[in-house]
Amino acid sequence: MKVEIKFFATLRLYLGVASLTLNLDKPIIVDELINILVEKFNDKKVREYLVEGKKIKTGTMILINGKNILHINGLNTVVEEGMISIFPPAGGG
């Protein structure tokens, strides 16, 4: 199963890449996908950037094929083949 992950805003700057393609052997949930990203970038801060406790951090938006996972099953949403877009919390004032 092929999944393309696009990173936006400060997360893109932090990771130094705009996108990443993963080939998954089996369906996984978003929480497992975030763990894969932590391993791939060898950086535990990736999880801290996106997750707070057992929930998506306020202001973070993760879309699977254009659907916001907050309206599906949060971190337990099954990752489907296709496009995942990750927008970190926005800041400003």
N, C-alpha and C. Protein backbone atom coordinates (compact mmCIF):
# COMPACT_ATOMS: atom_id res chain seq x y z
N MET A 1 0.85 -1.17 0.00
CA MET A 1 0.00 0.00 0.00
C MET A 1 0.90 1.24 0.00
N LYS A 2 0.72 2.08 -0.99
CA LYS A 2 1.56 3.27 -1.14
C LYS A 2 0.85 4.49 -0.55
N VAL A 3 1.58 5.23 0.28
CA VAL A 3 1.05 6.42 0.93
C VAL A 3 2.03 7.57 0.71
N GLU A 4 1.52 8.68 0.20
CA GLU A 4 2.36 9.87 0.08
C GLU A 4 1.96 10.83 1.19
N ILE A 5 2.96 11.28 1.94
CA ILE A 5 2.72 12.19 3.05
C ILE A 5 3.29 13.55 2.68
N LYS A 6 2.46 14.58 2.76
CA LYS A 6 2.91 15.94 2.49
C LYS A 6 2.94 16.71 3.80
N PHE A 7 4.04 17.41 4.02
CA PHE A 7 4.23 18.21 5.22
C PHE A 7 4.08 19.69 4.86
N PHE A 8 3.47 20.45 5.75
CA PHE A 8 3.22 21.86 5.48
C PHE A 8 3.76 22.76 6.59
N ALA A 9 3.93 24.02 6.23
CA ALA A 9 4.27 25.10 7.16
C ALA A 9 5.55 24.79 7.95
N THR A 10 5.52 25.05 9.25
CA THR A 10 6.73 24.91 10.07
C THR A 10 7.20 23.46 10.17
N LEU A 11 6.29 22.50 10.01
CA LEU A 11 6.71 21.10 10.04
C LEU A 11 7.59 20.78 8.84
N ARG A 12 7.25 21.33 7.69
CA ARG A 12 8.07 21.15 6.49
C ARG A 12 9.46 21.75 6.71
N LEU A 13 9.50 22.93 7.30
CA LEU A 13 10.79 23.57 7.57
C LEU A 13 11.60 22.76 8.58
N TYR A 14 10.93 22.26 9.62
CA TYR A 14 11.60 21.50 10.67
C TYR A 14 12.20 20.20 10.12
N LEU A 15 11.42 19.49 9.30
CA LEU A 15 11.88 18.21 8.78
C LEU A 15 12.83 18.37 7.59
N GLY A 16 12.73 19.48 6.90
CA GLY A 16 13.59 19.71 5.75
C GLY A 16 13.14 19.01 4.48
N VAL A 17 11.91 18.48 4.47
CA VAL A 17 11.36 17.83 3.28
C VAL A 17 9.90 18.25 3.11
N ALA A 18 9.46 18.27 1.87
CA ALA A 18 8.07 18.63 1.59
C ALA A 18 7.16 17.42 1.58
N SER A 19 7.73 16.26 1.23
CA SER A 19 6.90 15.06 1.17
C SER A 19 7.75 13.81 1.36
N LEU A 20 7.05 12.72 1.57
CA LEU A 20 7.69 11.42 1.81
C LEU A 20 6.72 10.35 1.32
N THR A 21 7.24 9.36 0.62
CA THR A 21 6.40 8.24 0.17
C THR A 21 6.77 7.00 0.96
N LEU A 22 5.75 6.34 1.50
CA LEU A 22 5.95 5.10 2.25
C LEU A 22 5.20 3.97 1.56
N ASN A 23 5.80 2.79 1.58
CA ASN A 23 5.11 1.59 1.13
C ASN A 23 4.83 0.76 2.37
N LEU A 24 3.55 0.62 2.69
CA LEU A 24 3.14 -0.11 3.88
C LEU A 24 2.67 -1.51 3.51
N ASP A 25 3.07 -2.49 4.33
CA ASP A 25 2.69 -3.88 4.08
C ASP A 25 1.24 -4.16 4.44
N LYS A 26 0.74 -3.40 5.41
CA LYS A 26 -0.62 -3.66 5.92
C LYS A 26 -1.22 -2.35 6.38
N PRO A 27 -2.53 -2.31 6.53
CA PRO A 27 -3.16 -1.10 7.06
C PRO A 27 -2.66 -0.80 8.48
N ILE A 28 -2.49 0.48 8.76
CA ILE A 28 -2.08 0.93 10.10
C ILE A 28 -2.98 2.09 10.49
N ILE A 29 -2.90 2.49 11.75
CA ILE A 29 -3.64 3.67 12.19
C ILE A 29 -2.69 4.87 12.22
N VAL A 30 -3.26 6.06 12.31
CA VAL A 30 -2.48 7.30 12.28
C VAL A 30 -1.43 7.32 13.39
N ASP A 31 -1.78 6.83 14.57
CA ASP A 31 -0.82 6.80 15.68
C ASP A 31 0.42 6.00 15.30
N GLU A 32 0.23 4.88 14.62
CA GLU A 32 1.37 4.06 14.16
C GLU A 32 2.15 4.79 13.08
N LEU A 33 1.45 5.51 12.21
CA LEU A 33 2.12 6.29 11.17
C LEU A 33 3.04 7.34 11.79
N ILE A 34 2.57 7.99 12.83
CA ILE A 34 3.41 9.00 13.50
C ILE A 34 4.64 8.33 14.10
N ASN A 35 4.49 7.13 14.65
CA ASN A 35 5.66 6.39 15.16
C ASN A 35 6.64 6.07 14.04
N ILE A 36 6.14 5.74 12.86
CA ILE A 36 7.01 5.48 11.71
C ILE A 36 7.77 6.75 11.34
N LEU A 37 7.10 7.89 11.38
CA LEU A 37 7.77 9.16 11.07
C LEU A 37 8.86 9.47 12.10
N VAL A 38 8.58 9.19 13.37
CA VAL A 38 9.59 9.38 14.42
C VAL A 38 10.83 8.56 14.10
N GLU A 39 10.63 7.29 13.70
CA GLU A 39 11.77 6.42 13.36
C GLU A 39 12.46 6.90 12.09
N LYS A 40 11.68 7.25 11.08
CA LYS A 40 12.23 7.66 9.79
C LYS A 40 13.13 8.89 9.92
N PHE A 41 12.69 9.85 10.73
CA PHE A 41 13.46 11.08 10.91
C PHE A 41 14.35 11.03 12.14
N ASN A 42 14.29 9.90 12.86
CA ASN A 42 15.09 9.70 14.07
C ASN A 42 14.94 10.90 15.02
N ASP A 43 13.68 11.27 15.26
CA ASP A 43 13.42 12.48 16.04
C ASP A 43 12.09 12.35 16.79
N LYS A 44 12.16 12.20 18.11
CA LYS A 44 10.95 12.05 18.93
C LYS A 44 10.11 13.33 18.96
N LYS A 45 10.71 14.44 18.59
CA LYS A 45 9.97 15.71 18.60
C LYS A 45 8.87 15.74 17.55
N VAL A 46 8.98 14.87 16.55
CA VAL A 46 7.92 14.80 15.53
C VAL A 46 6.59 14.49 16.22
N ARG A 47 6.60 13.54 17.14
CA ARG A 47 5.38 13.18 17.88
C ARG A 47 4.93 14.35 18.75
N GLU A 48 5.86 14.98 19.45
CA GLU A 48 5.52 16.12 20.31
C GLU A 48 4.93 17.27 19.50
N TYR A 49 5.37 17.41 18.27
CA TYR A 49 4.90 18.46 17.38
C TYR A 49 3.42 18.27 17.03
N LEU A 50 2.98 16.99 16.95
CA LEU A 50 1.65 16.67 16.44
C LEU A 50 0.65 16.15 17.47
N VAL A 51 1.17 15.55 18.55
CA VAL A 51 0.30 14.84 19.49
C VAL A 51 0.49 15.38 20.90
N GLU A 52 -0.62 15.45 21.62
CA GLU A 52 -0.60 15.87 23.02
C GLU A 52 -1.35 14.81 23.81
N GLY A 53 -0.62 14.06 24.63
CA GLY A 53 -1.24 12.94 25.34
C GLY A 53 -1.66 11.88 24.34
N LYS A 54 -2.94 11.58 24.31
CA LYS A 54 -3.45 10.57 23.38
C LYS A 54 -4.36 11.18 22.33
N LYS A 55 -4.18 12.49 22.10
CA LYS A 55 -4.99 13.21 21.13
C LYS A 55 -4.10 14.02 20.20
N ILE A 56 -4.67 14.38 19.07
CA ILE A 56 -3.98 15.27 18.16
C ILE A 56 -3.89 16.64 18.83
N LYS A 57 -2.72 17.24 18.75
CA LYS A 57 -2.50 18.55 19.37
C LYS A 57 -3.47 19.57 18.78
N THR A 58 -4.01 20.42 19.63
CA THR A 58 -4.92 21.47 19.20
C THR A 58 -4.28 22.29 18.09
N GLY A 59 -4.99 22.47 17.01
CA GLY A 59 -4.48 23.24 15.88
C GLY A 59 -3.83 22.40 14.80
N THR A 60 -3.51 21.15 15.11
CA THR A 60 -2.93 20.25 14.12
C THR A 60 -4.05 19.71 13.24
N MET A 61 -3.78 19.58 11.95
CA MET A 61 -4.75 19.00 11.04
C MET A 61 -4.07 17.91 10.22
N ILE A 62 -4.62 16.72 10.26
CA ILE A 62 -4.12 15.60 9.46
C ILE A 62 -5.27 15.15 8.57
N LEU A 63 -5.02 15.19 7.26
CA LEU A 63 -6.03 14.80 6.28
C LEU A 63 -5.60 13.52 5.59
N ILE A 64 -6.52 12.59 5.45
CA ILE A 64 -6.28 11.38 4.66
C ILE A 64 -7.20 11.47 3.46
N ASN A 65 -6.60 11.60 2.29
CA ASN A 65 -7.36 11.78 1.05
C ASN A 65 -8.40 12.90 1.20
N GLY A 66 -7.97 13.99 1.83
CA GLY A 66 -8.80 15.17 1.97
C GLY A 66 -9.79 15.16 3.13
N LYS A 67 -9.81 14.08 3.91
CA LYS A 67 -10.75 13.98 5.04
C LYS A 67 -10.00 14.16 6.36
N ASN A 68 -10.48 15.09 7.17
CA ASN A 68 -9.85 15.38 8.46
C ASN A 68 -10.07 14.22 9.42
N ILE A 69 -8.99 13.68 9.98
CA ILE A 69 -9.11 12.51 10.86
C ILE A 69 -9.85 12.82 12.15
N LEU A 70 -9.94 14.10 12.52
CA LEU A 70 -10.70 14.47 13.71
C LEU A 70 -12.18 14.12 13.55
N HIS A 71 -12.64 14.09 12.29
CA HIS A 71 -14.04 13.78 12.01
C HIS A 71 -14.24 12.30 11.69
N ILE A 72 -13.16 11.53 11.79
CA ILE A 72 -13.27 10.09 11.54
C ILE A 72 -13.06 9.38 12.87
N ASN A 73 -11.80 9.08 13.21
CA ASN A 73 -11.53 8.36 14.46
C ASN A 73 -10.23 8.84 15.11
N GLY A 74 -9.87 10.10 14.87
CA GLY A 74 -8.68 10.66 15.49
C GLY A 74 -7.42 9.85 15.20
N LEU A 75 -6.59 9.65 16.21
CA LEU A 75 -5.34 8.91 16.05
C LEU A 75 -5.57 7.44 15.72
N ASN A 76 -6.80 6.96 15.91
CA ASN A 76 -7.14 5.56 15.59
C ASN A 76 -7.71 5.41 14.19
N THR A 77 -7.68 6.47 13.40
CA THR A 77 -8.16 6.40 12.02
C THR A 77 -7.23 5.51 11.21
N VAL A 78 -7.81 4.63 10.42
CA VAL A 78 -7.03 3.73 9.58
C VAL A 78 -6.47 4.53 8.40
N VAL A 79 -5.18 4.33 8.14
CA VAL A 79 -4.51 5.00 7.02
C VAL A 79 -4.87 4.25 5.74
N GLU A 80 -5.42 4.98 4.79
CA GLU A 80 -5.77 4.41 3.50
C GLU A 80 -4.72 4.79 2.48
N GLU A 81 -4.63 3.99 1.44
CA GLU A 81 -3.71 4.29 0.36
C GLU A 81 -4.06 5.66 -0.23
N GLY A 82 -3.05 6.43 -0.54
CA GLY A 82 -3.29 7.73 -1.14
C GLY A 82 -2.47 8.82 -0.50
N MET A 83 -3.10 9.98 -0.29
CA MET A 83 -2.41 11.18 0.17
C MET A 83 -2.74 11.51 1.61
N ILE A 84 -1.70 11.78 2.38
CA ILE A 84 -1.86 12.26 3.75
C ILE A 84 -1.22 13.63 3.82
N SER A 85 -1.96 14.60 4.29
CA SER A 85 -1.46 15.97 4.44
C SER A 85 -1.41 16.29 5.93
N ILE A 86 -0.25 16.78 6.38
CA ILE A 86 -0.09 17.09 7.80
C ILE A 86 0.24 18.58 7.96
N PHE A 87 -0.67 19.27 8.65
CA PHE A 87 -0.51 20.69 8.94
C PHE A 87 -0.28 20.84 10.44
N PRO A 88 0.86 21.38 10.86
CA PRO A 88 1.11 21.56 12.29
C PRO A 88 0.28 22.71 12.85
N PRO A 89 0.25 22.84 14.17
CA PRO A 89 -0.47 23.97 14.76
C PRO A 89 0.10 25.29 14.24
N ALA A 90 -0.77 26.22 13.96
CA ALA A 90 -0.34 27.54 13.48
C ALA A 90 -0.07 28.44 14.67
N GLY A 91 0.85 29.34 14.50
CA GLY A 91 1.14 30.30 15.55
C GLY A 91 1.00 31.70 14.99
N GLY A 92 1.09 32.64 15.83
CA GLY A 92 1.02 34.01 15.36
C GLY A 92 0.33 34.89 16.37
N GLY A 93 0.11 36.08 15.97
CA GLY A 93 -0.54 36.97 16.91
C GLY A 93 -1.01 38.23 16.28
